[in-house]
Amino acid sequence: MPDQFIEFTTDKQFVERVRELKTIEVMIRMYCIHHHPPEPLCAECGELFEYAQRRLQRCVFGDAKPNCAKCVVHCYNDAMREKIRIVMRWAGPRMLLRHPVLGIRHMLADRKPIPVLPNKRHGS
């Protein structure tokens, strides 16, 4: 069975993931502009964003997913997890000043209950 990807649209079904994707994009851009000028998005940060986007599209929780820091499933590989952690640690505090609405919505999403991992079906 080929990989199935979720297309992000303005459909209400994807509102939370679209918000999270926008937040990740803004954080990566802020980090890259400060650490890798003069480009708005260098190759390394572009690769990190594409990786984050793929992970978000394939999330098993769908729109009920918690923020990655609170998720019970760690879908990032170790190297990328460390990179995104560094970016978020740097950009997170600055989000409230530069993008207050996204920053506050991200903080509110931290308060959502953590969903239960769907059970895997085993063949009978």
N, C-alpha and C. Protein backbone atom coordinates (compact mmCIF):
# COMPACT_ATOMS: atom_id res chain seq x y z
N MET A 1 0.84 -1.18 0.00
CA MET A 1 0.00 0.00 0.00
C MET A 1 0.89 1.24 0.00
N PRO A 2 0.69 2.16 -0.93
CA PRO A 2 1.53 3.36 -0.98
C PRO A 2 1.25 4.27 0.22
N ASP A 3 2.26 5.10 0.56
CA ASP A 3 2.08 6.05 1.65
C ASP A 3 0.93 6.99 1.33
N GLN A 4 0.13 7.25 2.35
CA GLN A 4 -0.96 8.20 2.18
C GLN A 4 -0.58 9.48 2.90
N PHE A 5 -0.72 10.59 2.20
CA PHE A 5 -0.39 11.88 2.77
C PHE A 5 -1.67 12.68 2.92
N ILE A 6 -1.69 13.49 3.93
CA ILE A 6 -2.83 14.37 4.16
C ILE A 6 -2.50 15.70 3.52
N GLU A 7 -3.39 16.19 2.70
CA GLU A 7 -3.20 17.50 2.10
C GLU A 7 -3.76 18.53 3.07
N PHE A 8 -2.95 19.51 3.42
CA PHE A 8 -3.42 20.57 4.29
C PHE A 8 -4.22 21.55 3.46
N THR A 9 -5.42 21.80 3.89
CA THR A 9 -6.30 22.74 3.19
C THR A 9 -6.92 23.64 4.24
N THR A 10 -7.91 24.39 3.83
CA THR A 10 -8.65 25.21 4.79
C THR A 10 -9.78 24.40 5.41
N ASP A 11 -9.87 23.13 5.12
CA ASP A 11 -10.87 22.25 5.70
C ASP A 11 -10.73 22.25 7.22
N LYS A 12 -11.86 22.36 7.94
CA LYS A 12 -11.83 22.43 9.41
C LYS A 12 -11.22 21.18 10.03
N GLN A 13 -11.19 20.09 9.29
CA GLN A 13 -10.62 18.84 9.78
C GLN A 13 -9.12 19.00 10.08
N PHE A 14 -8.45 19.92 9.41
CA PHE A 14 -7.00 20.06 9.53
C PHE A 14 -6.57 21.34 10.22
N VAL A 15 -7.48 22.05 10.87
CA VAL A 15 -7.17 23.36 11.44
C VAL A 15 -6.01 23.30 12.43
N GLU A 16 -6.00 22.35 13.33
CA GLU A 16 -4.95 22.28 14.34
C GLU A 16 -3.59 21.96 13.73
N ARG A 17 -3.56 21.07 12.76
CA ARG A 17 -2.28 20.74 12.14
C ARG A 17 -1.77 21.88 11.28
N VAL A 18 -2.66 22.61 10.65
CA VAL A 18 -2.24 23.78 9.87
C VAL A 18 -1.64 24.82 10.81
N ARG A 19 -2.26 25.02 11.98
CA ARG A 19 -1.72 25.96 12.97
C ARG A 19 -0.34 25.51 13.43
N GLU A 20 -0.21 24.22 13.71
CA GLU A 20 1.08 23.72 14.18
C GLU A 20 2.15 23.82 13.07
N LEU A 21 1.78 23.54 11.84
CA LEU A 21 2.73 23.66 10.73
C LEU A 21 3.18 25.11 10.57
N LYS A 22 2.24 26.05 10.68
CA LYS A 22 2.59 27.47 10.57
C LYS A 22 3.52 27.86 11.72
N THR A 23 3.26 27.38 12.92
CA THR A 23 4.10 27.68 14.07
C THR A 23 5.51 27.15 13.87
N ILE A 24 5.62 25.91 13.40
CA ILE A 24 6.94 25.31 13.14
C ILE A 24 7.69 26.10 12.08
N GLU A 25 6.97 26.48 11.02
CA GLU A 25 7.60 27.24 9.94
C GLU A 25 8.14 28.58 10.45
N VAL A 26 7.33 29.28 11.24
CA VAL A 26 7.75 30.58 11.77
C VAL A 26 8.95 30.42 12.69
N MET A 27 8.94 29.41 13.54
CA MET A 27 10.06 29.18 14.46
C MET A 27 11.35 28.88 13.69
N ILE A 28 11.26 28.03 12.69
CA ILE A 28 12.45 27.68 11.90
C ILE A 28 12.97 28.90 11.15
N ARG A 29 12.07 29.70 10.57
CA ARG A 29 12.49 30.90 9.85
C ARG A 29 13.16 31.91 10.78
N MET A 30 12.57 32.11 11.97
CA MET A 30 13.17 33.04 12.94
C MET A 30 14.58 32.58 13.31
N TYR A 31 14.71 31.30 13.57
CA TYR A 31 16.02 30.75 13.96
C TYR A 31 17.02 30.90 12.82
N CYS A 32 16.60 30.57 11.61
CA CYS A 32 17.51 30.59 10.46
C CYS A 32 17.96 32.02 10.14
N ILE A 33 17.04 32.97 10.18
CA ILE A 33 17.40 34.36 9.89
C ILE A 33 18.42 34.86 10.90
N HIS A 34 18.29 34.45 12.15
CA HIS A 34 19.22 34.92 13.18
C HIS A 34 20.56 34.18 13.14
N HIS A 35 20.55 32.90 12.82
CA HIS A 35 21.77 32.10 12.89
C HIS A 35 22.46 31.85 11.54
N HIS A 36 21.73 31.96 10.44
CA HIS A 36 22.30 31.66 9.12
C HIS A 36 21.99 32.77 8.12
N PRO A 37 22.30 34.03 8.43
CA PRO A 37 21.98 35.09 7.46
C PRO A 37 22.84 34.97 6.22
N PRO A 38 22.52 35.55 5.12
CA PRO A 38 21.42 36.46 4.88
C PRO A 38 20.18 35.77 4.33
N GLU A 39 20.25 34.48 4.11
CA GLU A 39 19.12 33.75 3.51
C GLU A 39 17.97 33.63 4.51
N PRO A 40 16.71 33.73 4.03
CA PRO A 40 15.59 33.54 4.94
C PRO A 40 15.45 32.08 5.38
N LEU A 41 15.90 31.16 4.54
CA LEU A 41 15.84 29.74 4.90
C LEU A 41 16.96 29.00 4.17
N CYS A 42 17.99 28.63 4.92
CA CYS A 42 19.13 27.92 4.33
C CYS A 42 18.74 26.48 4.02
N ALA A 43 19.62 25.75 3.38
CA ALA A 43 19.33 24.36 2.98
C ALA A 43 19.08 23.47 4.20
N GLU A 44 19.88 23.64 5.25
CA GLU A 44 19.72 22.81 6.45
C GLU A 44 18.38 23.06 7.13
N CYS A 45 18.00 24.33 7.25
CA CYS A 45 16.72 24.66 7.89
C CYS A 45 15.55 24.28 6.98
N GLY A 46 15.73 24.40 5.68
CA GLY A 46 14.70 23.97 4.74
C GLY A 46 14.46 22.47 4.84
N GLU A 47 15.53 21.72 4.99
CA GLU A 47 15.42 20.27 5.16
C GLU A 47 14.70 19.93 6.46
N LEU A 48 15.00 20.67 7.52
CA LEU A 48 14.34 20.45 8.81
C LEU A 48 12.85 20.75 8.70
N PHE A 49 12.48 21.83 8.01
CA PHE A 49 11.06 22.16 7.85
C PHE A 49 10.34 21.08 7.03
N GLU A 50 10.95 20.63 5.95
CA GLU A 50 10.32 19.58 5.13
C GLU A 50 10.14 18.30 5.95
N TYR A 51 11.12 17.96 6.77
CA TYR A 51 11.03 16.78 7.62
C TYR A 51 9.89 16.94 8.63
N ALA A 52 9.81 18.12 9.25
CA ALA A 52 8.74 18.38 10.22
C ALA A 52 7.37 18.31 9.55
N GLN A 53 7.28 18.81 8.34
CA GLN A 53 6.02 18.78 7.60
C GLN A 53 5.61 17.34 7.30
N ARG A 54 6.56 16.50 6.89
CA ARG A 54 6.25 15.09 6.63
C ARG A 54 5.79 14.38 7.90
N ARG A 55 6.46 14.65 9.00
CA ARG A 55 6.09 14.03 10.28
C ARG A 55 4.68 14.45 10.69
N LEU A 56 4.36 15.70 10.49
CA LEU A 56 3.04 16.22 10.85
C LEU A 56 1.96 15.61 9.97
N GLN A 57 2.25 15.43 8.69
CA GLN A 57 1.29 14.82 7.77
C GLN A 57 0.99 13.37 8.14
N ARG A 58 1.98 12.69 8.68
CA ARG A 58 1.83 11.26 8.99
C ARG A 58 1.45 10.99 10.44
N CYS A 59 1.15 12.01 11.21
CA CYS A 59 0.89 11.83 12.64
C CYS A 59 -0.29 10.89 12.86
N VAL A 60 -0.09 9.90 13.74
CA VAL A 60 -1.13 8.90 14.01
C VAL A 60 -2.31 9.50 14.76
N PHE A 61 -2.13 10.62 15.43
CA PHE A 61 -3.20 11.23 16.21
C PHE A 61 -4.10 12.14 15.38
N GLY A 62 -3.69 12.45 14.18
CA GLY A 62 -4.49 13.35 13.36
C GLY A 62 -4.55 14.73 13.99
N ASP A 63 -5.73 15.34 13.95
CA ASP A 63 -5.88 16.69 14.48
C ASP A 63 -5.95 16.71 16.00
N ALA A 64 -6.03 15.55 16.63
CA ALA A 64 -6.08 15.48 18.09
C ALA A 64 -4.66 15.45 18.68
N LYS A 65 -3.65 15.56 17.85
CA LYS A 65 -2.27 15.42 18.33
C LYS A 65 -1.92 16.51 19.32
N PRO A 66 -1.16 16.14 20.33
CA PRO A 66 -0.65 17.15 21.26
C PRO A 66 0.59 17.82 20.66
N ASN A 67 1.10 18.84 21.34
CA ASN A 67 2.38 19.41 20.91
C ASN A 67 3.43 18.33 21.03
N CYS A 68 4.43 18.40 20.19
CA CYS A 68 5.43 17.32 20.11
C CYS A 68 6.13 17.05 21.44
N ALA A 69 6.35 18.09 22.24
CA ALA A 69 7.05 17.90 23.51
C ALA A 69 6.26 16.99 24.46
N LYS A 70 4.94 16.95 24.31
CA LYS A 70 4.11 16.15 25.21
C LYS A 70 3.62 14.85 24.57
N CYS A 71 4.00 14.61 23.34
CA CYS A 71 3.51 13.44 22.61
C CYS A 71 4.12 12.15 23.14
N VAL A 72 3.30 11.09 23.16
CA VAL A 72 3.79 9.78 23.62
C VAL A 72 4.52 9.04 22.52
N VAL A 73 4.35 9.47 21.27
CA VAL A 73 5.04 8.86 20.14
C VAL A 73 6.13 9.82 19.68
N HIS A 74 7.36 9.36 19.67
CA HIS A 74 8.46 10.19 19.20
C HIS A 74 8.78 9.78 17.77
N CYS A 75 8.19 10.50 16.82
CA CYS A 75 8.30 10.11 15.42
C CYS A 75 9.53 10.71 14.73
N TYR A 76 10.19 11.67 15.36
CA TYR A 76 11.41 12.25 14.77
C TYR A 76 12.58 11.32 15.04
N ASN A 77 13.50 11.21 14.07
CA ASN A 77 14.72 10.46 14.36
C ASN A 77 15.58 11.30 15.31
N ASP A 78 16.56 10.69 15.93
CA ASP A 78 17.33 11.36 16.99
C ASP A 78 17.99 12.66 16.53
N ALA A 79 18.59 12.65 15.36
CA ALA A 79 19.30 13.85 14.87
C ALA A 79 18.32 15.00 14.62
N MET A 80 17.21 14.70 13.98
CA MET A 80 16.22 15.75 13.69
C MET A 80 15.52 16.22 14.96
N ARG A 81 15.29 15.32 15.89
CA ARG A 81 14.68 15.71 17.17
C ARG A 81 15.57 16.71 17.89
N GLU A 82 16.87 16.48 17.86
CA GLU A 82 17.80 17.40 18.50
C GLU A 82 17.81 18.76 17.80
N LYS A 83 17.76 18.75 16.46
CA LYS A 83 17.75 20.00 15.71
C LYS A 83 16.49 20.81 16.01
N ILE A 84 15.33 20.15 15.99
CA ILE A 84 14.07 20.89 16.21
C ILE A 84 13.99 21.36 17.65
N ARG A 85 14.58 20.60 18.57
CA ARG A 85 14.59 21.01 19.97
C ARG A 85 15.41 22.29 20.14
N ILE A 86 16.54 22.37 19.47
CA ILE A 86 17.38 23.57 19.53
C ILE A 86 16.64 24.77 18.94
N VAL A 87 15.99 24.56 17.79
CA VAL A 87 15.24 25.64 17.15
C VAL A 87 14.12 26.13 18.05
N MET A 88 13.35 25.19 18.60
CA MET A 88 12.21 25.58 19.42
C MET A 88 12.65 26.24 20.73
N ARG A 89 13.75 25.77 21.27
CA ARG A 89 14.26 26.38 22.49
C ARG A 89 14.68 27.83 22.27
N TRP A 90 15.25 28.10 21.10
CA TRP A 90 15.67 29.46 20.80
C TRP A 90 14.46 30.33 20.41
N ALA A 91 13.60 29.80 19.53
CA ALA A 91 12.51 30.61 18.98
C ALA A 91 11.30 30.71 19.91
N GLY A 92 11.08 29.72 20.75
CA GLY A 92 9.89 29.70 21.60
C GLY A 92 9.68 30.97 22.40
N PRO A 93 10.65 31.40 23.19
CA PRO A 93 10.46 32.62 23.98
C PRO A 93 10.26 33.87 23.12
N ARG A 94 10.80 33.88 21.93
CA ARG A 94 10.68 35.04 21.04
C ARG A 94 9.36 35.08 20.30
N MET A 95 8.65 33.97 20.29
CA MET A 95 7.36 33.90 19.58
C MET A 95 6.35 34.90 20.16
N LEU A 96 6.34 35.06 21.48
CA LEU A 96 5.37 35.95 22.10
C LEU A 96 5.57 37.40 21.69
N LEU A 97 6.81 37.77 21.36
CA LEU A 97 7.07 39.15 20.93
C LEU A 97 6.84 39.35 19.45
N ARG A 98 7.26 38.40 18.63
CA ARG A 98 7.20 38.57 17.18
C ARG A 98 5.92 38.04 16.55
N HIS A 99 5.36 36.99 17.14
CA HIS A 99 4.13 36.38 16.62
C HIS A 99 3.25 35.99 17.81
N PRO A 100 2.68 37.01 18.49
CA PRO A 100 1.97 36.73 19.75
C PRO A 100 0.78 35.78 19.61
N VAL A 101 0.04 35.87 18.53
CA VAL A 101 -1.13 35.00 18.38
C VAL A 101 -0.70 33.54 18.24
N LEU A 102 0.28 33.29 17.39
CA LEU A 102 0.78 31.91 17.24
C LEU A 102 1.39 31.41 18.54
N GLY A 103 2.14 32.27 19.23
CA GLY A 103 2.77 31.88 20.48
C GLY A 103 1.76 31.51 21.54
N ILE A 104 0.72 32.32 21.68
CA ILE A 104 -0.32 32.04 22.68
C ILE A 104 -1.10 30.79 22.31
N ARG A 105 -1.43 30.63 21.04
CA ARG A 105 -2.16 29.42 20.63
C ARG A 105 -1.33 28.16 20.85
N HIS A 106 -0.01 28.28 20.64
CA HIS A 106 0.88 27.14 20.90
C HIS A 106 0.90 26.81 22.39
N MET A 107 0.93 27.84 23.23
CA MET A 107 0.92 27.62 24.68
C MET A 107 -0.41 27.01 25.12
N LEU A 108 -1.51 27.45 24.54
CA LEU A 108 -2.82 26.88 24.88
C LEU A 108 -2.93 25.43 24.44
N ALA A 109 -2.30 25.10 23.33
CA ALA A 109 -2.33 23.71 22.84
C ALA A 109 -1.60 22.79 23.81
N ASP A 110 -0.65 23.33 24.56
CA ASP A 110 0.06 22.53 25.57
C ASP A 110 -0.88 22.06 26.68
N ARG A 111 -1.99 22.74 26.85
CA ARG A 111 -2.92 22.39 27.92
C ARG A 111 -3.94 21.33 27.50
N LYS A 112 -3.96 21.01 26.21
CA LYS A 112 -4.89 19.98 25.74
C LYS A 112 -4.53 18.64 26.36
N PRO A 113 -5.53 17.80 26.64
CA PRO A 113 -5.22 16.47 27.15
C PRO A 113 -4.48 15.64 26.10
N ILE A 114 -3.62 14.77 26.56
CA ILE A 114 -2.85 13.92 25.66
C ILE A 114 -3.72 12.74 25.24
N PRO A 115 -3.92 12.55 23.94
CA PRO A 115 -4.78 11.44 23.49
C PRO A 115 -4.11 10.09 23.71
N VAL A 116 -4.95 9.08 23.77
CA VAL A 116 -4.47 7.70 23.93
C VAL A 116 -4.03 7.20 22.56
N LEU A 117 -2.91 6.51 22.54
CA LEU A 117 -2.39 5.96 21.30
C LEU A 117 -3.34 4.92 20.75
N PRO A 118 -3.74 5.03 19.48
CA PRO A 118 -4.64 4.02 18.89
C PRO A 118 -3.99 2.63 18.93
N ASN A 119 -4.80 1.61 19.23
CA ASN A 119 -4.30 0.24 19.25
C ASN A 119 -4.00 -0.23 17.84
N LYS A 120 -2.93 -1.00 17.73
CA LYS A 120 -2.60 -1.61 16.45
C LYS A 120 -3.45 -2.86 16.30
N ARG A 121 -3.92 -3.07 15.10
CA ARG A 121 -4.68 -4.29 14.82
C ARG A 121 -3.72 -5.39 14.43
N HIS A 122 -3.87 -6.52 15.05
CA HIS A 122 -3.06 -7.68 14.68
C HIS A 122 -3.90 -8.59 13.82
N GLY A 123 -3.28 -9.16 12.80
CA GLY A 123 -4.00 -10.05 11.90
C GLY A 123 -4.54 -11.27 12.66
N SER A 124 -5.72 -11.74 12.24
CA SER A 124 -6.32 -12.88 12.95
C SER A 124 -5.97 -14.19 12.34
